[in-house]
Amino acid sequence: MDQKVRTQKRSALKKLGEILREKGLLSQQQIEQALAIQRTSGERFGRILVRQGWITENDLLDALSERFGIPRLRQIDAYAIDPAVVKLIPVEMAQRYTVIPLFRVDDLLTIAISDPLDVGALDAVRFHTRLNVQEVLASEAEIAAAIKKYFRGDGSLERIISSVEENMVLEIEEEADLEETRIDATDEASIINFVNVILSQAIYDKASDIHCEADDKIFRIRYRIDGMLQQVTTTPLSLASMIISRIKILAELDVSEKRVPQDGRFRLKIDNREIDVRVSIIPTVNGEKAVMRLLDPRNAVLKLTDLGFSAGVLERWQQVIRKSEGIIFITGPTGSGKTTTLYSVLNTINSLSKNIITVENPVEYKLPLVNQMQVNTKAGLTFASALRAILRQDPDVILIGEVRDRETADIAVRSAMTGHLVFSTLHTNDAPGAFSRLQDMGVEPFLMSSAVLAVLAQRLVRVICPYCKEKSPASLKLLPEADQRRFAEKSVMAFKGKGCRECKNSGYKGRTGIHELLIVDATIRRMLIDGESEDNIREHARRQGMLQLREDGLLKVFAGITTVEELLRVA
């Protein structure tokens, strides 16, 4: 049964509040108060009732069992679960969704779950096991205890670290200032398992990067989640070389070379999808550091409506990207989502009637109907040389991964003036700064005024976790007085996430964009030719309706999407 059907069936059932009221556990006033809290926080109705202390978790589970007709399981520890059944799902999935398999009959798997509305957990287990899944209800605490009991740390980072420490045999040779480590087959299997676990856990946690780095006394593993690095675990420094060596083997790099940087890649398959992993290894004073970038095809191309554009900005952006000629720049620092926006744009305008060619460094995701080239400087294939070749391929749309030198900038701008629609990126702080950057590269003002259609500056801000969202008027004091008055005038309230299991106590879950879109009109063209300053161009663009990054971010704070602290961090 798919999610839509389940939702339709459940919406027709007696409401949870009615069941609890009929049992004498809840009053109508408490129901209305809980609903009011839910409208502002987005938290589950049942969780609000428990958090307020109006009912117990057992009361909630009994009512949920009655409402959905799902059996209620008490005292999981009274049941003996087959370890083979437990291992049908990885420990990371069990911990993330608070579920545990109980028993299997043919192709039907029964699992214990604490939240019957968490269809994502059911779908994840079904997808991973390829079995039909039915649920029984149990308390979150009992399921967590069962996970700890039955997995016994098998597959967990801490357990693997312990097993390697107990059995490893190390021989350190000081020749040539290099350490050589010898491990037996058992240790090698443990290291392989360790690296597999940190990879799979990173994918389940939706991390974009994995950092493996040595400190003075420990070897640290960190994930970058929603743009922020979070420490996952540490290992003894003695395991560092074995872990790095395993990563090198996966990426087909030279295991013996520890003096120079190395780059590689490999692919892994999880949940029947392939993840591309880019590996970069550098030598540091504490030993080698490895960074693995995880490229998930599911995150490659989004709809423009999923990127966080404000309504007015989105309408103007959709108009400008459908022009037939000219150049459009997207600006922002590394990690601001420029590539995702570019791919989403290509996906929006893509059709069989258009010849779209890209030159990138590197090609991060493959796009249908798009001819993608990858820069290879060792072979002499640079952005500039690739762009010259592209112009002989009768393109309609050209994407240049980045304009970073005068030659590339000059060819790109001239291509835009000869009937091609060109997209590219620049590293500038805001949209008007793109003109100064191009001028620094040697692009003549009259060429800029003729070719540039628009500049989009963007940043990514973290989104407040909907499961633990709450009002936070105190954070408004961080804003300038003028912005505080805007909150007061609009009669809106600031919010924050207090931290919960869903967001790993960060208060944030996912990211969205804030944007600054500058459309080049006749006045800006004259200002460019006359050599007017960035400030003058910015002020004119604002009079024409351009929202600056901070202003667009404030709209998302007004809407309860992000926090004041997060906005001030990026803009």
Protein backbone atom coordinates (compact mmCIF):
# COMPACT_ATOMS: atom_id res chain seq x y z
CA MET A 1 0.00 0.00 0.00
CA ASP A 2 1.57 3.32 -1.03
CA GLN A 3 1.81 6.43 1.13
CA LYS A 4 -1.10 8.24 -0.58
CA VAL A 5 -3.52 5.35 0.00
CA ARG A 6 -2.43 5.00 3.63
CA THR A 7 -2.94 8.71 4.20
CA GLN A 8 -6.42 8.64 2.64
CA LYS A 9 -7.51 5.64 4.75
CA ARG A 10 -6.15 7.09 7.98
CA SER A 11 -7.78 10.48 7.43
CA ALA A 12 -11.19 8.76 7.49
CA LEU A 13 -10.61 7.24 10.96
CA LYS A 14 -11.78 8.64 14.27
CA LYS A 15 -9.47 11.39 15.41
CA LEU A 16 -6.92 10.70 18.12
CA GLY A 17 -8.23 13.49 20.34
CA GLU A 18 -11.75 12.07 20.23
CA ILE A 19 -10.54 8.64 21.34
CA LEU A 20 -8.60 10.10 24.28
CA ARG A 21 -11.53 12.32 25.26
CA GLU A 22 -13.92 9.36 25.22
CA LYS A 23 -11.51 7.50 27.49
CA GLY A 24 -11.63 10.42 29.92
CA LEU A 25 -7.91 11.15 29.44
CA LEU A 26 -8.28 14.50 27.70
CA SER A 27 -10.61 17.49 27.80
CA GLN A 28 -11.87 19.47 24.81
CA GLN A 29 -9.94 22.49 26.03
CA GLN A 30 -6.69 20.50 26.06
CA ILE A 31 -7.42 19.25 22.54
CA GLU A 32 -7.88 22.80 21.29
CA GLN A 33 -4.71 23.96 23.04
CA ALA A 34 -2.72 21.10 21.50
CA LEU A 35 -4.10 21.89 18.03
CA ALA A 36 -3.09 25.54 18.45
CA ILE A 37 0.45 24.47 19.38
CA GLN A 38 0.55 22.11 16.41
CA ARG A 39 -0.43 24.86 13.96
CA THR A 40 2.60 26.94 14.95
CA SER A 41 5.17 24.23 15.68
CA GLY A 42 4.28 21.48 13.21
CA GLU A 43 4.88 18.89 15.93
CA ARG A 44 2.87 15.65 16.00
CA PHE A 45 -0.39 15.98 17.94
CA GLY A 46 0.31 12.95 20.14
CA ARG A 47 3.82 14.11 21.00
CA ILE A 48 2.44 17.47 22.11
CA LEU A 49 0.03 15.74 24.50
CA VAL A 50 2.81 13.66 26.05
CA ARG A 51 5.20 16.61 26.26
CA GLN A 52 2.54 18.70 28.00
CA GLY A 53 2.11 15.92 30.56
CA TRP A 54 -1.61 15.46 29.82
CA ILE A 55 -1.22 11.78 28.91
CA THR A 56 1.48 9.13 29.20
CA GLU A 57 3.26 7.46 26.30
CA ASN A 58 1.36 4.24 27.08
CA ASP A 59 -1.93 6.15 26.86
CA LEU A 60 -0.88 7.51 23.49
CA LEU A 61 0.17 4.09 22.14
CA ASP A 62 -3.10 2.49 23.29
CA ALA A 63 -5.09 5.23 21.53
CA LEU A 64 -3.01 4.95 18.36
CA SER A 65 -3.49 1.18 18.41
CA GLU A 66 -7.26 1.65 18.65
CA ARG A 67 -7.36 4.32 15.97
CA PHE A 68 -5.32 2.50 13.31
CA GLY A 69 -6.11 -1.09 14.29
CA ILE A 70 -2.41 -1.84 14.85
CA PRO A 71 -1.54 -4.43 17.53
CA ARG A 72 0.04 -3.05 20.70
CA LEU A 73 3.15 -4.88 21.87
CA ARG A 74 4.14 -4.65 25.52
CA GLN A 75 7.47 -5.71 27.01
CA ILE A 76 9.60 -6.40 23.94
CA ASP A 77 12.24 -7.86 26.25
CA ALA A 78 9.87 -10.75 27.01
CA TYR A 79 10.23 -11.95 23.39
CA ALA A 80 13.17 -13.82 21.92
CA ILE A 81 14.02 -12.33 18.53
CA ASP A 82 15.97 -14.29 15.95
CA PRO A 83 19.31 -12.47 15.39
CA ALA A 84 19.07 -13.29 11.67
CA VAL A 85 15.78 -11.38 11.51
CA VAL A 86 17.22 -8.41 13.41
CA LYS A 87 20.06 -8.15 10.90
CA LEU A 88 17.63 -7.77 7.98
CA ILE A 89 18.10 -4.03 8.45
CA PRO A 90 21.31 -2.16 9.36
CA VAL A 91 21.73 -0.77 12.84
CA GLU A 92 21.83 2.77 11.43
CA MET A 93 18.34 2.37 9.97
CA ALA A 94 17.02 0.86 13.21
CA GLN A 95 18.43 3.74 15.23
CA ARG A 96 17.35 6.44 12.82
CA TYR A 97 13.71 5.37 12.62
CA THR A 98 13.46 3.65 16.05
CA VAL A 99 12.27 0.35 14.59
CA ILE A 100 13.32 -3.25 15.13
CA PRO A 101 12.36 -6.41 13.21
CA LEU A 102 10.53 -8.98 15.34
CA PHE A 103 9.88 -12.01 13.14
CA ARG A 104 9.51 -13.05 9.52
CA VAL A 105 7.02 -15.43 7.94
CA ASP A 106 7.81 -16.08 4.27
CA ASP A 107 7.89 -12.62 2.67
CA LEU A 108 6.09 -10.84 5.53
CA LEU A 109 8.27 -9.00 8.05
CA THR A 110 6.78 -7.75 11.33
CA ILE A 111 8.48 -4.77 12.93
CA ALA A 112 7.98 -2.83 16.15
CA ILE A 113 7.56 0.91 15.69
CA SER A 114 6.66 3.76 18.03
CA ASP A 115 5.08 6.11 15.49
CA PRO A 116 2.51 4.60 13.08
CA LEU A 117 2.41 7.89 11.14
CA ASP A 118 6.09 7.59 10.21
CA VAL A 119 5.46 6.19 6.74
CA GLY A 120 9.05 7.01 5.84
CA ALA A 121 10.25 4.35 8.29
CA LEU A 122 7.94 1.70 6.83
CA ASP A 123 8.94 2.58 3.28
CA ALA A 124 12.64 2.53 4.16
CA VAL A 125 12.41 -0.94 5.75
CA ARG A 126 10.29 -2.26 2.87
CA PHE A 127 12.67 -0.83 0.28
CA HIS A 128 15.78 -2.18 2.03
CA THR A 129 14.48 -5.69 2.76
CA ARG A 130 12.29 -6.14 -0.36
CA LEU A 131 9.69 -7.70 1.95
CA ASN A 132 6.12 -6.86 2.82
CA VAL A 133 6.07 -5.09 6.19
CA GLN A 134 3.46 -5.00 8.94
CA GLU A 135 3.81 -3.00 12.14
CA VAL A 136 3.09 -3.41 15.82
CA LEU A 137 3.27 -0.53 18.30
CA ALA A 138 5.78 -0.36 21.13
CA SER A 139 7.24 2.43 23.22
CA GLU A 140 10.24 4.32 21.91
CA ALA A 141 12.27 3.48 25.02
CA GLU A 142 11.59 -0.27 24.71
CA ILE A 143 12.54 -0.29 21.03
CA ALA A 144 15.75 1.62 21.75
CA ALA A 145 16.64 -0.88 24.48
CA ALA A 146 15.94 -3.79 22.13
CA ILE A 147 18.15 -2.25 19.45
CA LYS A 148 20.97 -1.94 21.96
CA LYS A 149 20.41 -5.50 23.19
CA TYR A 150 20.09 -7.35 19.88
CA PHE A 151 22.54 -5.43 17.75
CA ARG A 152 24.98 -5.47 20.68
CA GLY A 153 27.00 -2.84 18.88
CA ASP A 154 27.59 -5.15 15.89
CA GLY A 155 28.01 -2.87 12.92
CA SER A 156 28.33 0.18 15.14
CA LEU A 157 31.44 2.29 14.88
CA GLU A 158 32.34 1.83 18.53
CA ARG A 159 32.10 -1.97 18.36
CA ILE A 160 34.24 -2.15 15.24
CA ILE A 161 36.85 0.12 16.76
CA SER A 162 36.99 -2.09 19.86
CA SER A 163 37.34 -5.29 17.82
CA VAL A 164 40.24 -3.89 15.83
CA GLU A 165 41.99 -2.59 18.94
CA GLU A 166 41.74 -5.99 20.61
CA ASN A 167 43.23 -7.97 17.73
CA MET A 168 45.47 -5.69 15.70
CA VAL A 169 49.16 -6.33 15.28
CA LEU A 170 51.21 -3.22 14.52
CA GLU A 171 54.79 -2.99 13.40
CA ILE A 172 56.23 0.52 13.16
CA GLU A 173 59.32 1.10 11.10
CA GLU A 174 61.04 4.44 11.29
CA GLU A 175 62.83 4.18 7.97
CA ALA A 176 62.18 7.15 5.70
CA ASP A 177 59.95 8.61 8.42
CA LEU A 178 57.08 6.40 7.26
CA GLU A 179 54.88 4.07 9.30
CA GLU A 180 54.07 0.69 7.85
CA THR A 181 51.19 -1.19 9.37
CA ARG A 182 50.59 -4.91 9.06
CA ILE A 183 47.20 -6.34 9.94
CA ASP A 184 45.91 -9.87 9.82
CA ALA A 185 42.77 -10.99 7.96
CA THR A 186 40.46 -10.43 10.94
CA ASP A 187 41.68 -6.88 11.40
CA GLU A 188 41.36 -6.19 7.67
CA ALA A 189 37.74 -7.36 7.69
CA SER A 190 37.03 -5.07 10.65
CA ILE A 191 38.55 -2.07 8.90
CA ILE A 192 36.53 -2.84 5.76
CA ASN A 193 33.41 -3.06 7.90
CA PHE A 194 34.27 0.21 9.65
CA VAL A 195 34.63 2.13 6.38
CA ASN A 196 31.43 0.56 5.05
CA VAL A 197 29.57 1.68 8.17
CA ILE A 198 30.77 5.28 8.05
CA LEU A 199 29.77 5.43 4.38
CA SER A 200 26.31 3.91 4.87
CA GLN A 201 25.60 5.97 7.98
CA ALA A 202 26.61 9.15 6.13
CA ILE A 203 24.18 8.34 3.34
CA TYR A 204 21.33 7.63 5.78
CA ASP A 205 22.15 10.92 7.56
CA LYS A 206 22.12 12.75 4.18
CA ALA A 207 25.67 13.99 4.63
CA SER A 208 27.35 15.69 1.69
CA ASP A 209 30.94 15.03 2.83
CA ILE A 210 32.87 12.74 5.18
CA HIS A 211 36.05 14.09 6.81
CA CYS A 212 38.59 11.59 8.17
CA GLU A 213 41.45 13.44 9.87
CA ALA A 214 44.15 12.92 12.43
CA ASP A 215 44.65 15.08 15.52
CA ASP A 216 47.46 14.91 18.06
CA LYS A 217 46.04 11.85 19.83
CA ILE A 218 42.92 10.71 17.94
CA PHE A 219 41.59 10.07 14.46
CA ARG A 220 38.32 11.96 13.95
CA ILE A 221 35.34 11.20 11.67
CA ARG A 222 33.05 14.12 10.84
CA TYR A 223 30.03 14.47 8.53
CA ARG A 224 28.93 17.65 6.80
CA ILE A 225 25.14 17.72 7.20
CA ASP A 226 23.11 20.70 5.99
CA GLY A 227 26.36 22.58 5.43
CA MET A 228 27.70 22.12 8.99
CA LEU A 229 30.39 19.68 10.14
CA GLN A 230 29.37 17.32 12.94
CA GLN A 231 31.68 14.91 14.73
CA VAL A 232 30.43 11.33 14.48
CA THR A 233 33.11 9.34 16.27
CA THR A 234 36.81 9.15 17.03
CA THR A 235 39.26 6.25 16.85
CA PRO A 236 42.74 5.69 18.28
CA LEU A 237 45.42 7.31 16.15
CA SER A 238 46.92 3.86 15.59
CA LEU A 239 43.99 2.99 13.28
CA ALA A 240 44.41 6.05 11.05
CA SER A 241 46.74 4.55 8.45
CA MET A 242 44.56 1.43 8.07
CA ILE A 243 41.41 3.49 7.51
CA ILE A 244 43.12 5.80 5.01
CA SER A 245 44.61 2.79 3.21
CA ARG A 246 41.15 1.22 2.84
CA ILE A 247 39.80 4.46 1.37
CA LYS A 248 42.75 4.57 -1.06
CA ILE A 249 42.06 1.01 -2.16
CA LEU A 250 38.41 1.84 -2.85
CA ALA A 251 39.43 4.89 -4.91
CA GLU A 252 42.24 2.96 -6.68
CA LEU A 253 44.95 5.28 -5.35
CA ASP A 254 48.58 4.54 -4.48
CA VAL A 255 48.53 3.11 -0.95
CA SER A 256 52.29 3.53 -0.51
CA GLU A 257 52.34 7.21 -1.48
CA LYS A 258 51.86 9.43 1.57
CA ARG A 259 53.80 12.56 0.62
CA VAL A 260 51.62 14.20 -2.04
CA PRO A 261 47.88 14.83 -2.52
CA GLN A 262 45.85 12.23 -4.39
CA ASP A 263 42.37 12.38 -5.93
CA GLY A 264 40.14 9.49 -6.96
CA ARG A 265 36.60 8.22 -7.02
CA PHE A 266 34.51 5.10 -6.61
CA ARG A 267 30.88 4.09 -6.60
CA LEU A 268 28.87 2.27 -4.01
CA LYS A 269 25.37 0.86 -4.17
CA ILE A 270 22.89 1.27 -1.35
CA ASP A 271 19.11 0.87 -1.37
CA ASN A 272 19.39 -0.03 -5.07
CA ARG A 273 20.83 3.34 -6.05
CA GLU A 274 24.40 4.19 -6.96
CA ILE A 275 26.27 6.85 -5.01
CA ASP A 276 29.30 8.48 -6.61
CA VAL A 277 32.07 9.11 -4.06
CA ARG A 278 34.83 11.63 -4.84
CA VAL A 279 37.95 11.14 -2.73
CA SER A 280 40.62 13.72 -1.90
CA ILE A 281 43.62 12.83 0.27
CA ILE A 282 46.26 15.29 1.44
CA PRO A 283 49.29 14.95 3.73
CA THR A 284 49.20 16.98 6.95
CA VAL A 285 51.61 17.32 9.86
CA ASN A 286 49.49 14.83 11.83
CA GLY A 287 49.18 12.32 8.99
CA GLU A 288 46.97 11.98 5.95
CA LYS A 289 43.48 13.47 5.78
CA ALA A 290 40.75 12.05 3.53
CA VAL A 291 37.60 13.84 2.44
CA MET A 292 34.89 11.88 0.64
CA ARG A 293 32.17 13.81 -1.19
CA LEU A 294 28.93 11.87 -1.61
CA LEU A 295 27.01 12.60 -4.81
CA ASP A 296 23.51 11.15 -4.67
CA PRO A 297 21.67 11.17 -8.06
CA ARG A 298 18.39 11.81 -6.23
CA ASN A 299 19.72 15.24 -5.17
CA ALA A 300 21.09 16.15 -8.59
CA VAL A 301 18.14 17.93 -10.15
CA LEU A 302 15.36 19.64 -8.27
CA LYS A 303 12.41 21.66 -9.49
CA LEU A 304 12.95 25.39 -9.36
CA THR A 305 10.03 25.56 -6.94
CA ASP A 306 12.01 23.35 -4.52
CA LEU A 307 14.99 25.71 -4.29
CA GLY A 308 13.45 28.26 -1.93
CA PHE A 309 12.78 31.08 -4.39
CA SER A 310 10.39 33.73 -3.11
CA ALA A 311 7.33 34.09 -5.34
CA GLY A 312 8.34 37.35 -7.01
CA VAL A 313 11.96 36.28 -7.52
CA LEU A 314 10.91 32.93 -8.99
CA GLU A 315 8.62 34.57 -11.56
CA ARG A 316 11.37 36.90 -12.79
CA TRP A 317 13.96 34.09 -12.77
CA GLN A 318 11.75 31.80 -14.87
CA GLN A 319 11.33 34.57 -17.42
CA VAL A 320 15.03 35.38 -17.77
CA ILE A 321 16.26 31.77 -18.11
CA ARG A 322 14.02 31.31 -21.15
CA LYS A 323 15.74 34.06 -23.14
CA SER A 324 17.31 32.95 -26.42
CA GLU A 325 20.68 34.69 -26.01
CA GLY A 326 22.84 36.40 -23.42
CA ILE A 327 24.78 35.28 -20.37
CA ILE A 328 23.40 34.60 -16.88
CA PHE A 329 25.68 34.30 -13.88
CA ILE A 330 25.04 32.57 -10.55
CA THR A 331 27.32 33.80 -7.77
CA GLY A 332 28.14 32.69 -4.27
CA PRO A 333 30.84 30.93 -2.25
CA THR A 334 31.69 27.24 -2.48
CA GLY A 335 28.83 25.14 -1.11
CA SER A 336 26.11 27.70 -1.78
CA GLY A 337 24.18 25.43 -4.15
CA LYS A 338 25.21 27.04 -7.46
CA THR A 339 25.58 23.72 -9.29
CA THR A 340 22.20 22.47 -8.08
CA THR A 341 20.54 25.66 -9.31
CA LEU A 342 22.29 25.39 -12.69
CA TYR A 343 21.24 21.77 -13.14
CA SER A 344 17.69 22.63 -12.14
CA VAL A 345 17.65 25.42 -14.74
CA LEU A 346 18.88 23.08 -17.47
CA ASN A 347 16.26 20.53 -16.47
CA THR A 348 13.58 23.25 -16.74
CA ILE A 349 14.53 24.49 -20.23
CA ASN A 350 15.71 21.12 -21.60
CA SER A 351 13.95 19.74 -24.68
CA LEU A 352 14.61 17.73 -27.84
CA SER A 353 14.60 20.97 -29.83
CA LYS A 354 17.64 22.37 -27.99
CA ASN A 355 21.30 21.42 -28.18
CA ILE A 356 22.65 21.91 -24.65
CA ILE A 357 26.38 21.45 -24.01
CA THR A 358 28.25 21.88 -20.73
CA VAL A 359 31.89 22.08 -19.72
CA GLU A 360 32.41 21.33 -16.02
CA ASN A 361 35.15 20.56 -13.53
CA PRO A 362 34.13 17.94 -12.61
CA VAL A 363 30.86 16.64 -14.04
CA GLU A 364 28.96 15.95 -10.82
CA TYR A 365 25.76 14.42 -12.22
CA LYS A 366 24.75 13.13 -15.63
CA LEU A 367 21.76 14.89 -17.17
CA PRO A 368 19.53 13.38 -19.89
CA LEU A 369 19.70 15.02 -23.36
CA VAL A 370 22.66 17.16 -22.23
CA ASN A 371 26.15 16.81 -23.73
CA GLN A 372 28.56 17.16 -20.83
CA MET A 373 32.34 17.68 -21.06
CA GLN A 374 34.80 17.46 -18.21
CA VAL A 375 37.89 19.68 -17.95
CA ASN A 376 41.18 17.79 -18.22
CA THR A 377 44.05 20.24 -17.75
CA LYS A 378 46.71 17.52 -18.09
CA ALA A 379 45.44 16.79 -21.59
CA GLY A 380 45.14 20.48 -22.42
CA LEU A 381 41.32 20.57 -22.15
CA THR A 382 40.64 23.80 -20.26
CA PHE A 383 37.44 25.80 -19.94
CA ALA A 384 38.62 28.12 -22.71
CA SER A 385 39.69 25.38 -25.17
CA ALA A 386 36.54 23.36 -24.48
CA LEU A 387 34.41 26.46 -25.07
CA ARG A 388 36.03 27.08 -28.44
CA ALA A 389 35.22 23.49 -29.46
CA ILE A 390 31.65 23.79 -28.19
CA LEU A 391 31.01 26.80 -30.42
CA ARG A 392 31.63 24.57 -33.45
CA GLN A 393 28.94 22.12 -32.23
CA ASP A 394 25.94 24.37 -33.07
CA PRO A 395 24.84 24.84 -29.43
CA ASP A 396 21.68 26.59 -28.29
CA VAL A 397 22.55 26.61 -24.59
CA ILE A 398 26.04 26.51 -23.07
CA LEU A 399 26.88 25.92 -19.41
CA ILE A 400 30.36 26.84 -18.23
CA GLY A 401 31.11 25.46 -14.78
CA GLU A 402 33.03 28.56 -13.72
CA VAL A 403 34.49 31.69 -15.31
CA ARG A 404 37.86 32.04 -13.63
CA ASP A 405 40.16 33.81 -16.12
CA ARG A 406 40.14 36.48 -18.81
CA GLU A 407 40.23 34.10 -21.75
CA THR A 408 37.22 32.08 -20.58
CA ALA A 409 35.31 35.24 -19.64
CA ASP A 410 35.98 36.85 -23.01
CA ILE A 411 34.86 33.79 -25.01
CA ALA A 412 31.79 33.32 -22.80
CA VAL A 413 30.67 36.93 -23.19
CA ARG A 414 31.25 36.94 -26.94
CA SER A 415 29.35 33.64 -27.24
CA ALA A 416 26.40 35.26 -25.50
CA MET A 417 26.51 38.11 -28.04
CA THR A 418 26.39 35.76 -31.03
CA GLY A 419 23.06 34.07 -30.42
CA HIS A 420 23.78 31.63 -27.58
CA LEU A 421 22.27 31.42 -24.09
CA VAL A 422 25.16 30.96 -21.65
CA PHE A 423 25.05 30.04 -17.96
CA SER A 424 28.05 30.20 -15.64
CA THR A 425 29.18 30.90 -12.07
CA LEU A 426 31.37 33.47 -10.36
CA HIS A 427 32.69 33.78 -6.81
CA THR A 428 31.38 37.13 -5.57
CA ASN A 429 29.65 38.29 -2.39
CA ASP A 430 26.54 39.64 -4.09
CA ALA A 431 24.95 40.15 -7.50
CA PRO A 432 26.35 43.64 -8.34
CA GLY A 433 29.83 42.37 -7.45
CA ALA A 434 29.79 40.22 -10.60
CA PHE A 435 30.47 43.28 -12.78
CA SER A 436 33.55 44.28 -10.79
CA ARG A 437 34.82 40.70 -10.95
CA LEU A 438 34.41 40.58 -14.73
CA GLN A 439 36.10 43.96 -15.07
CA ASP A 440 39.03 42.66 -12.98
CA MET A 441 39.34 39.82 -15.50
CA GLY A 442 39.64 42.35 -18.31
CA VAL A 443 36.13 42.20 -19.78
CA GLU A 444 35.26 45.55 -21.35
CA PRO A 445 32.24 47.37 -19.87
CA PHE A 446 30.52 47.66 -23.26
CA LEU A 447 30.72 43.86 -23.65
CA MET A 448 29.22 43.32 -20.20
CA SER A 449 26.42 45.77 -20.89
CA SER A 450 25.56 44.02 -24.16
CA ALA A 451 25.84 40.39 -23.02
CA VAL A 452 24.84 40.02 -19.35
CA LEU A 453 21.11 39.37 -18.84
CA ALA A 454 21.03 38.77 -15.09
CA VAL A 455 23.05 37.84 -12.02
CA LEU A 456 21.66 35.61 -9.27
CA ALA A 457 23.48 35.61 -5.92
CA GLN A 458 22.49 32.86 -3.51
CA ARG A 459 23.24 31.27 -0.16
CA LEU A 460 21.89 28.20 1.63
CA VAL A 461 20.29 28.50 5.07
CA ARG A 462 19.24 25.65 7.31
CA VAL A 463 15.52 25.04 7.78
CA ILE A 464 13.97 24.83 11.25
CA CYS A 465 13.16 21.23 12.17
CA PRO A 466 9.35 20.87 11.93
CA TYR A 467 9.32 18.30 14.74
CA CYS A 468 10.73 20.56 17.46
CA LYS A 469 9.84 24.01 16.17
CA GLU A 470 8.89 26.57 18.84
CA LYS A 471 8.53 30.32 19.27
CA SER A 472 11.69 32.26 20.10
CA PRO A 473 11.09 36.01 20.46
CA ALA A 474 14.47 36.45 22.19
CA SER A 475 16.37 35.88 18.92
CA LEU A 476 14.85 39.03 17.41
CA LYS A 477 17.17 41.08 19.62
CA LEU A 478 20.07 39.96 17.42
CA LEU A 479 18.67 41.97 14.50
CA PRO A 480 19.21 45.69 13.86
CA GLU A 481 16.45 47.91 15.25
CA ALA A 482 15.02 48.60 11.78
CA ASP A 483 14.49 44.86 11.19
CA GLN A 484 12.99 44.42 14.66
CA ARG A 485 10.45 47.09 13.80
CA ARG A 486 9.57 45.20 10.62
CA PHE A 487 8.74 42.14 12.72
CA ALA A 488 6.59 44.26 15.00
CA GLU A 489 4.80 45.90 12.06
CA LYS A 490 4.00 42.53 10.50
CA SER A 491 2.92 41.06 13.85
CA VAL A 492 4.97 37.91 13.21
CA MET A 493 7.01 35.80 15.60
CA ALA A 494 10.47 34.30 15.22
CA PHE A 495 10.94 30.54 15.67
CA LYS A 496 13.72 28.08 16.42
CA GLY A 497 14.16 24.31 16.77
CA LYS A 498 14.85 23.19 20.31
CA GLY A 499 16.46 19.91 19.14
CA CYS A 500 15.01 16.41 18.87
CA ARG A 501 15.71 12.90 17.57
CA GLU A 502 14.59 13.81 14.06
CA CYS A 503 17.18 16.57 13.68
CA LYS A 504 19.88 14.98 15.85
CA ASN A 505 19.39 17.78 18.38
CA SER A 506 20.58 20.43 15.93
CA GLY A 507 17.22 22.23 15.65
CA TYR A 508 17.51 22.17 11.85
CA LYS A 509 16.50 19.69 9.18
CA GLY A 510 17.32 20.38 5.52
CA ARG A 511 18.32 23.58 3.73
CA THR A 512 16.74 26.13 1.44
CA GLY A 513 18.02 29.05 -0.61
CA ILE A 514 17.96 32.80 -0.19
CA HIS A 515 18.42 34.78 -3.38
CA GLU A 516 19.34 38.17 -4.79
CA LEU A 517 18.31 38.53 -8.45
CA LEU A 518 19.64 41.49 -10.46
CA ILE A 519 18.04 41.91 -13.88
CA VAL A 520 20.12 44.06 -16.26
CA ASP A 521 17.90 46.79 -17.72
CA ALA A 522 18.68 49.74 -20.02
CA THR A 523 19.68 51.95 -17.09
CA ILE A 524 22.18 49.42 -15.71
CA ARG A 525 23.65 49.00 -19.21
CA ARG A 526 24.29 52.76 -19.37
CA MET A 527 25.72 52.71 -15.83
CA LEU A 528 28.17 49.97 -16.81
CA ILE A 529 29.35 51.88 -19.87
CA ASP A 530 29.72 55.04 -17.77
CA GLY A 531 31.78 53.12 -15.20
CA GLU A 532 29.47 53.76 -12.24
CA SER A 533 30.16 52.03 -8.93
CA GLU A 534 28.69 48.82 -7.53
CA ASP A 535 26.82 50.84 -4.91
CA ASN A 536 25.03 52.94 -7.54
CA ILE A 537 24.10 49.83 -9.53
CA ARG A 538 22.86 48.15 -6.34
CA GLU A 539 20.69 51.11 -5.36
CA HIS A 540 19.11 51.28 -8.82
CA ALA A 541 18.42 47.54 -8.78
CA ARG A 542 16.78 47.85 -5.35
CA ARG A 543 14.54 50.65 -6.62
CA GLN A 544 13.52 48.29 -9.42
CA GLY A 545 12.48 45.63 -6.90
CA MET A 546 15.64 43.60 -6.25
CA LEU A 547 15.65 41.98 -2.79
CA GLN A 548 19.07 41.75 -1.21
CA LEU A 549 20.15 38.43 0.31
CA ARG A 550 19.42 39.56 3.86
CA GLU A 551 16.00 40.93 2.86
CA ASP A 552 15.03 37.68 1.14
CA GLY A 553 16.28 35.81 4.19
CA LEU A 554 14.12 37.96 6.47
CA LEU A 555 11.07 36.90 4.48
CA LYS A 556 11.93 33.30 5.32
CA VAL A 557 12.38 34.23 8.98
CA PHE A 558 8.96 35.95 8.87
CA ALA A 559 7.50 32.75 7.41
CA GLY A 560 9.02 30.60 10.18
CA ILE A 561 11.26 28.72 7.71
CA THR A 562 14.64 29.61 9.19
CA THR A 563 16.04 31.40 12.22
CA VAL A 564 17.53 34.83 12.81
CA GLU A 565 20.81 33.21 13.91
CA GLU A 566 21.05 31.17 10.72
CA LEU A 567 20.34 34.19 8.53
CA LEU A 568 23.01 36.27 10.25
CA ARG A 569 25.47 33.38 9.85
CA VAL A 570 25.26 33.38 6.05
CA ALA A 571 24.15 36.93 5.19
